Amino acid sequence: MKNSIIRSILITGFMFVTIAVSAQYLSIRDERPKIDKNGKNIFQIIINQEAFSSLNFNVIINNPGQEFLNVNLRNQQGQLFQDDTFHRRPSYAMLLNLERLEDGLYTLSITTTYESFVRKIVITTEELGTRNGQMYLDRKAEILEAK
């Protein structure tokens, strides 16, 4: 009798745990990013370099799943220069201003629960020459293609 009561309690507990885990799995599946009619995820990131400043980029993020987004920018040594978290909106637009950064290689990461977008950005300074004792420099940033 005592063993059957213990067995019933264990079976009931196992059933509750199974139901709770199943419910949690279903809720996660329901929150997956939306897909288009071809079954392709429509989460999209567009980065355009501004015409008047090669060190400024407009970043547009289409986030149909309305997930939390994290945007960060780090140098090669891992030093964090920008870390933004955006909350559950279908789209975002931001200006990525690199003017204050030194020459070097940087990593731009945009992540959600289900997506990860990483691009390398290189900032360089080129000496254009001197005139009347004043040095002219050309600073520019370039996004390297993902491999």
Protein backbone atom coordinates (compact mmCIF):
# COMPACT_ATOMS: atom_id res chain seq x y z
CA MET A 1 0.00 0.00 0.00
CA LYS A 2 2.77 2.43 0.98
CA ASN A 3 4.73 1.58 -2.21
CA SER A 4 1.68 2.18 -4.42
CA ILE A 5 1.10 5.62 -2.84
CA ILE A 6 4.75 6.56 -3.40
CA ARG A 7 4.54 5.24 -6.97
CA SER A 8 1.38 7.31 -7.61
CA ILE A 9 3.03 10.43 -6.25
CA LEU A 10 6.13 9.87 -8.41
CA ILE A 11 4.05 9.22 -11.54
CA THR A 12 1.91 12.29 -10.90
CA GLY A 13 5.02 14.43 -10.36
CA PHE A 14 6.60 13.08 -13.53
CA MET A 15 3.42 13.88 -15.49
CA PHE A 16 3.40 17.48 -14.21
CA VAL A 17 7.06 17.95 -15.13
CA THR A 18 6.43 16.47 -18.59
CA ILE A 19 3.43 18.74 -19.17
CA ALA A 20 5.34 21.82 -17.95
CA VAL A 21 8.33 21.06 -20.21
CA SER A 22 6.02 20.42 -23.18
CA ALA A 23 4.15 23.68 -22.59
CA GLN A 24 7.42 25.60 -22.36
CA TYR A 25 8.66 24.00 -25.60
CA LEU A 26 5.42 24.90 -27.40
CA SER A 27 5.58 28.51 -26.24
CA ILE A 28 9.16 28.79 -27.51
CA ARG A 29 8.18 27.30 -30.86
CA ASP A 30 5.30 29.77 -31.18
CA GLU A 31 7.70 32.69 -30.72
CA ARG A 32 10.01 31.69 -33.55
CA PRO A 33 10.55 34.44 -36.15
CA LYS A 34 7.91 34.83 -38.83
CA ILE A 35 8.61 33.37 -42.24
CA ASP A 36 7.51 34.41 -45.70
CA LYS A 37 5.43 32.32 -48.13
CA ASN A 38 8.58 30.43 -49.24
CA GLY A 39 9.37 29.37 -45.69
CA LYS A 40 12.26 31.82 -45.44
CA ASN A 41 12.83 33.88 -42.30
CA ILE A 42 12.10 37.55 -42.99
CA PHE A 43 14.37 38.87 -40.23
CA GLN A 44 16.50 41.33 -42.17
CA ILE A 45 19.37 43.73 -41.52
CA ILE A 46 20.26 46.51 -43.95
CA ILE A 47 23.42 48.59 -43.45
CA ASN A 48 23.98 51.65 -45.63
CA GLN A 49 27.05 53.83 -45.48
CA GLU A 50 26.21 57.54 -45.42
CA ALA A 51 27.30 59.45 -48.51
CA PHE A 52 28.71 62.47 -46.65
CA SER A 53 30.67 60.47 -44.04
CA SER A 54 32.23 57.09 -44.67
CA LEU A 55 32.44 56.61 -40.88
CA ASN A 56 28.65 56.65 -40.39
CA PHE A 57 26.31 53.79 -41.17
CA ASN A 58 22.52 53.64 -41.06
CA VAL A 59 21.41 50.28 -39.65
CA ILE A 60 17.84 49.16 -40.32
CA ILE A 61 16.56 45.96 -38.73
CA ASN A 62 13.33 44.23 -39.77
CA ASN A 63 12.32 42.16 -36.73
CA PRO A 64 8.91 40.60 -37.51
CA GLY A 65 9.17 38.17 -34.58
CA GLN A 66 9.50 41.21 -32.30
CA GLU A 67 12.36 39.59 -30.41
CA PHE A 68 14.80 41.32 -28.09
CA LEU A 69 17.80 42.55 -30.08
CA ASN A 70 21.32 43.13 -28.88
CA VAL A 71 23.70 45.26 -30.95
CA ASN A 72 27.32 45.52 -29.93
CA LEU A 73 30.59 46.71 -31.41
CA ARG A 74 33.98 45.43 -30.20
CA ASN A 75 37.57 45.85 -31.27
CA GLN A 76 39.96 42.92 -31.86
CA GLN A 77 40.94 42.87 -28.19
CA GLY A 78 37.29 42.47 -27.17
CA GLN A 79 36.87 46.00 -25.81
CA LEU A 80 33.20 47.01 -26.00
CA PHE A 81 32.44 50.33 -27.71
CA GLN A 82 28.68 50.03 -28.16
CA ASP A 83 26.14 47.77 -26.48
CA ASP A 84 22.45 48.43 -27.11
CA THR A 85 19.44 46.27 -26.31
CA PHE A 86 16.17 46.93 -28.11
CA HIS A 87 12.87 45.61 -26.85
CA ARG A 88 10.30 43.75 -28.92
CA ARG A 89 9.52 46.09 -31.78
CA PRO A 90 8.97 45.04 -35.40
CA SER A 91 11.60 47.41 -36.78
CA TYR A 92 14.56 49.48 -35.66
CA ALA A 93 16.73 52.17 -37.19
CA MET A 94 19.96 53.44 -35.71
CA LEU A 95 23.04 55.41 -36.65
CA LEU A 96 26.36 53.65 -36.15
CA ASN A 97 28.92 56.44 -35.78
CA LEU A 98 32.54 55.26 -35.93
CA GLU A 99 34.22 58.68 -36.04
CA ARG A 100 35.57 58.46 -32.48
CA LEU A 101 37.22 55.06 -33.01
CA GLU A 102 40.89 54.48 -33.82
CA ASP A 103 42.07 52.67 -36.93
CA GLY A 104 41.65 48.93 -36.67
CA LEU A 105 39.36 45.95 -37.09
CA TYR A 106 36.00 45.89 -35.28
CA THR A 107 33.21 43.34 -35.00
CA LEU A 108 29.56 44.39 -35.26
CA SER A 109 27.21 41.77 -33.77
CA ILE A 110 23.42 41.87 -33.92
CA THR A 111 21.75 38.96 -32.13
CA THR A 112 18.29 37.77 -31.19
CA THR A 113 17.14 34.56 -29.61
CA TYR A 114 17.22 32.79 -32.98
CA GLU A 115 19.39 34.93 -35.26
CA SER A 116 22.98 36.10 -35.30
CA PHE A 117 24.46 38.65 -37.68
CA VAL A 118 28.19 39.40 -37.51
CA ARG A 119 30.23 41.68 -39.74
CA LYS A 120 33.82 42.87 -39.56
CA ILE A 121 34.45 46.59 -40.05
CA VAL A 122 37.89 48.01 -40.80
CA ILE A 123 38.71 51.66 -40.13
CA THR A 124 41.71 53.15 -41.90
CA THR A 125 43.37 56.55 -42.20
CA GLU A 126 45.24 57.53 -45.33
CA GLU A 127 47.45 60.61 -45.61
CA LEU A 128 46.42 62.57 -48.68
CA GLY A 129 49.28 65.04 -48.48
CA THR A 130 50.11 68.43 -47.04
CA ARG A 131 49.34 71.91 -48.21
CA ASN A 132 50.51 75.11 -46.54
CA GLY A 133 51.87 73.04 -43.67
CA GLN A 134 48.54 71.37 -42.99
CA MET A 135 48.22 67.59 -43.30
CA TYR A 136 45.11 66.21 -45.01
CA LEU A 137 43.84 62.80 -43.94
CA ASP A 138 41.14 60.56 -45.32
CA ARG A 139 39.51 58.35 -42.68
CA LYS A 140 37.13 55.69 -43.86
CA ALA A 141 35.38 52.57 -42.71
CA GLU A 142 34.55 49.54 -44.78
CA ILE A 143 32.35 46.55 -43.99
CA LEU A 144 34.10 43.34 -44.93
CA GLU A 145 32.00 40.71 -46.66
CA ALA A 146 31.00 37.67 -44.62
CA LYS A 147 32.65 34.42 -45.64
